[in-house]
Amino acid sequence: MPNPKGNPESLKPFTTDRDEPLVKQINVRVSTSMYVKLKSVDNYPEFVRQAIAKALSELEDSDDDFT
């Protein structure tokens, strides 16, 4: 008979080896062709995180050029 309170393994706190935990979500609308290409990339969530981080870094660098 299954445990009515669920699997005790799933009650353990989640840990990560990242510098900063991933706790926030964003939603972005894309075209169908972009969606298909993105889904074909291995580990696409990490690909998107890295692309956003790179774009933000370039944005910060370009802001520094104007000051």
N, C-alpha and C. Protein backbone atom coordinates (compact mmCIF):
# COMPACT_ATOMS: atom_id res chain seq x y z
N MET A 1 0.83 -1.17 0.00
CA MET A 1 0.00 0.00 0.00
C MET A 1 0.89 1.25 0.00
N PRO A 2 0.63 2.21 -0.90
CA PRO A 2 1.48 3.40 -0.98
C PRO A 2 1.32 4.30 0.25
N ASN A 3 2.36 5.02 0.53
CA ASN A 3 2.36 5.95 1.66
C ASN A 3 1.45 7.13 1.31
N PRO A 4 0.40 7.43 2.10
CA PRO A 4 -0.52 8.52 1.78
C PRO A 4 0.12 9.90 1.88
N LYS A 5 1.26 9.99 2.57
CA LYS A 5 1.93 11.29 2.71
C LYS A 5 3.01 11.49 1.65
N GLY A 6 3.14 10.58 0.71
CA GLY A 6 4.10 10.73 -0.37
C GLY A 6 5.44 10.11 -0.06
N ASN A 7 6.38 10.34 -0.94
CA ASN A 7 7.72 9.79 -0.83
C ASN A 7 8.54 10.67 0.11
N PRO A 8 9.10 10.11 1.18
CA PRO A 8 9.89 10.92 2.12
C PRO A 8 11.12 11.54 1.46
N GLU A 9 11.62 10.95 0.38
CA GLU A 9 12.78 11.51 -0.33
C GLU A 9 12.45 12.88 -0.91
N SER A 10 11.19 13.09 -1.31
CA SER A 10 10.83 14.36 -1.92
C SER A 10 10.63 15.47 -0.88
N LEU A 11 10.66 15.13 0.39
CA LEU A 11 10.50 16.11 1.45
C LEU A 11 11.82 16.74 1.87
N LYS A 12 12.95 16.19 1.37
CA LYS A 12 14.25 16.74 1.71
C LYS A 12 14.43 18.10 1.02
N PRO A 13 15.09 19.05 1.67
CA PRO A 13 15.31 20.36 1.04
C PRO A 13 16.18 20.23 -0.20
N PHE A 14 15.86 21.04 -1.20
CA PHE A 14 16.62 21.04 -2.44
C PHE A 14 17.90 21.83 -2.24
N THR A 15 19.01 21.29 -2.71
CA THR A 15 20.28 21.99 -2.64
C THR A 15 20.83 22.17 -4.05
N THR A 16 21.68 23.17 -4.22
CA THR A 16 22.28 23.43 -5.52
C THR A 16 23.75 23.78 -5.35
N ASP A 17 24.53 23.57 -6.38
CA ASP A 17 25.94 23.93 -6.34
C ASP A 17 26.19 25.26 -7.05
N ARG A 18 25.13 25.97 -7.41
CA ARG A 18 25.26 27.26 -8.08
C ARG A 18 25.64 28.35 -7.07
N ASP A 19 26.25 29.42 -7.59
CA ASP A 19 26.58 30.56 -6.73
C ASP A 19 25.33 31.21 -6.18
N GLU A 20 24.30 31.24 -7.00
CA GLU A 20 23.04 31.88 -6.62
C GLU A 20 21.91 30.93 -7.02
N PRO A 21 21.00 30.59 -6.12
CA PRO A 21 19.93 29.64 -6.47
C PRO A 21 18.96 30.24 -7.49
N LEU A 22 18.38 29.36 -8.28
CA LEU A 22 17.41 29.76 -9.30
C LEU A 22 16.03 29.74 -8.67
N VAL A 23 15.52 30.90 -8.30
CA VAL A 23 14.24 30.96 -7.59
C VAL A 23 13.18 31.77 -8.32
N LYS A 24 13.55 32.53 -9.34
CA LYS A 24 12.60 33.37 -10.06
C LYS A 24 12.38 32.83 -11.47
N GLN A 25 11.18 33.08 -11.99
CA GLN A 25 10.84 32.64 -13.34
C GLN A 25 10.43 33.84 -14.17
N ILE A 26 10.68 33.74 -15.48
CA ILE A 26 10.17 34.73 -16.42
C ILE A 26 9.49 33.99 -17.56
N ASN A 27 8.56 34.65 -18.21
CA ASN A 27 7.88 34.09 -19.37
C ASN A 27 8.16 34.98 -20.57
N VAL A 28 8.51 34.36 -21.68
CA VAL A 28 8.83 35.09 -22.88
C VAL A 28 8.08 34.45 -24.05
N ARG A 29 7.45 35.27 -24.85
CA ARG A 29 6.78 34.76 -26.05
C ARG A 29 7.77 34.77 -27.21
N VAL A 30 7.81 33.67 -27.94
CA VAL A 30 8.68 33.55 -29.11
C VAL A 30 7.88 33.01 -30.28
N SER A 31 8.44 33.15 -31.47
CA SER A 31 7.78 32.60 -32.66
C SER A 31 7.87 31.08 -32.64
N THR A 32 7.06 30.46 -33.45
CA THR A 32 7.07 28.99 -33.53
C THR A 32 8.43 28.48 -33.99
N SER A 33 9.04 29.15 -34.95
CA SER A 33 10.33 28.68 -35.45
C SER A 33 11.41 28.81 -34.38
N MET A 34 11.39 29.89 -33.60
CA MET A 34 12.36 30.03 -32.51
C MET A 34 12.13 28.95 -31.46
N TYR A 35 10.88 28.66 -31.16
CA TYR A 35 10.54 27.65 -30.17
C TYR A 35 11.08 26.28 -30.60
N VAL A 36 10.88 25.93 -31.85
CA VAL A 36 11.33 24.62 -32.36
C VAL A 36 12.85 24.53 -32.29
N LYS A 37 13.55 25.59 -32.71
CA LYS A 37 15.01 25.59 -32.65
C LYS A 37 15.50 25.50 -31.21
N LEU A 38 14.87 26.24 -30.33
CA LEU A 38 15.27 26.24 -28.93
C LEU A 38 15.08 24.88 -28.29
N LYS A 39 13.95 24.24 -28.56
CA LYS A 39 13.68 22.93 -27.98
C LYS A 39 14.64 21.86 -28.50
N SER A 40 15.27 22.11 -29.66
CA SER A 40 16.20 21.12 -30.21
C SER A 40 17.58 21.21 -29.56
N VAL A 41 17.83 22.27 -28.81
CA VAL A 41 19.12 22.45 -28.13
C VAL A 41 19.14 21.58 -26.87
N ASP A 42 20.26 20.86 -26.68
CA ASP A 42 20.42 20.07 -25.45
C ASP A 42 20.46 21.01 -24.26
N ASN A 43 19.72 20.68 -23.22
CA ASN A 43 19.65 21.46 -21.99
C ASN A 43 19.32 22.92 -22.30
N TYR A 44 18.23 23.12 -23.02
CA TYR A 44 17.87 24.47 -23.46
C TYR A 44 17.64 25.47 -22.33
N PRO A 45 17.15 25.08 -21.14
CA PRO A 45 17.02 26.09 -20.09
C PRO A 45 18.37 26.72 -19.71
N GLU A 46 19.41 25.90 -19.62
CA GLU A 46 20.73 26.42 -19.29
C GLU A 46 21.26 27.28 -20.44
N PHE A 47 20.98 26.89 -21.67
CA PHE A 47 21.36 27.68 -22.84
C PHE A 47 20.73 29.08 -22.76
N VAL A 48 19.46 29.14 -22.41
CA VAL A 48 18.77 30.43 -22.30
C VAL A 48 19.35 31.25 -21.16
N ARG A 49 19.64 30.63 -20.02
CA ARG A 49 20.24 31.36 -18.89
C ARG A 49 21.57 31.98 -19.29
N GLN A 50 22.40 31.19 -20.00
CA GLN A 50 23.71 31.69 -20.41
C GLN A 50 23.57 32.81 -21.44
N ALA A 51 22.62 32.68 -22.37
CA ALA A 51 22.40 33.73 -23.37
C ALA A 51 21.95 35.03 -22.71
N ILE A 52 21.08 34.94 -21.72
CA ILE A 52 20.62 36.14 -21.01
C ILE A 52 21.77 36.75 -20.22
N ALA A 53 22.54 35.93 -19.55
CA ALA A 53 23.69 36.43 -18.77
C ALA A 53 24.68 37.13 -19.68
N LYS A 54 24.95 36.56 -20.84
CA LYS A 54 25.88 37.17 -21.80
C LYS A 54 25.34 38.51 -22.29
N ALA A 55 24.06 38.56 -22.63
CA ALA A 55 23.45 39.80 -23.11
C ALA A 55 23.48 40.88 -22.03
N LEU A 56 23.20 40.51 -20.79
CA LEU A 56 23.23 41.48 -19.69
C LEU A 56 24.65 41.99 -19.45
N SER A 57 25.63 41.10 -19.56
CA SER A 57 27.02 41.50 -19.39
C SER A 57 27.44 42.48 -20.49
N GLU A 58 27.04 42.19 -21.73
CA GLU A 58 27.36 43.10 -22.84
C GLU A 58 26.66 44.44 -22.66
N LEU A 59 25.45 44.41 -22.14
CA LEU A 59 24.71 45.64 -21.88
C LEU A 59 25.43 46.49 -20.83
N GLU A 60 25.91 45.85 -19.77
CA GLU A 60 26.66 46.56 -18.74
C GLU A 60 27.94 47.14 -19.31
N ASP A 61 28.63 46.37 -20.16
CA ASP A 61 29.87 46.84 -20.77
C ASP A 61 29.62 48.05 -21.66
N SER A 62 28.52 48.03 -22.41
CA SER A 62 28.22 49.15 -23.29
C SER A 62 27.82 50.38 -22.49
N ASP A 63 27.19 50.18 -21.34
CA ASP A 63 26.85 51.31 -20.47
C ASP A 63 28.12 51.97 -19.92
N ASP A 64 29.14 51.15 -19.64
CA ASP A 64 30.39 51.68 -19.11
C ASP A 64 31.11 52.53 -20.17
N ASP A 65 30.93 52.22 -21.45
CA ASP A 65 31.57 52.97 -22.52
C ASP A 65 31.06 54.39 -22.62
N PHE A 66 29.83 54.64 -22.19
CA PHE A 66 29.22 55.95 -22.31
C PHE A 66 29.47 56.85 -21.11
N THR A 67 30.05 56.31 -20.06
CA THR A 67 30.26 57.14 -18.86
C THR A 67 31.69 57.58 -18.73
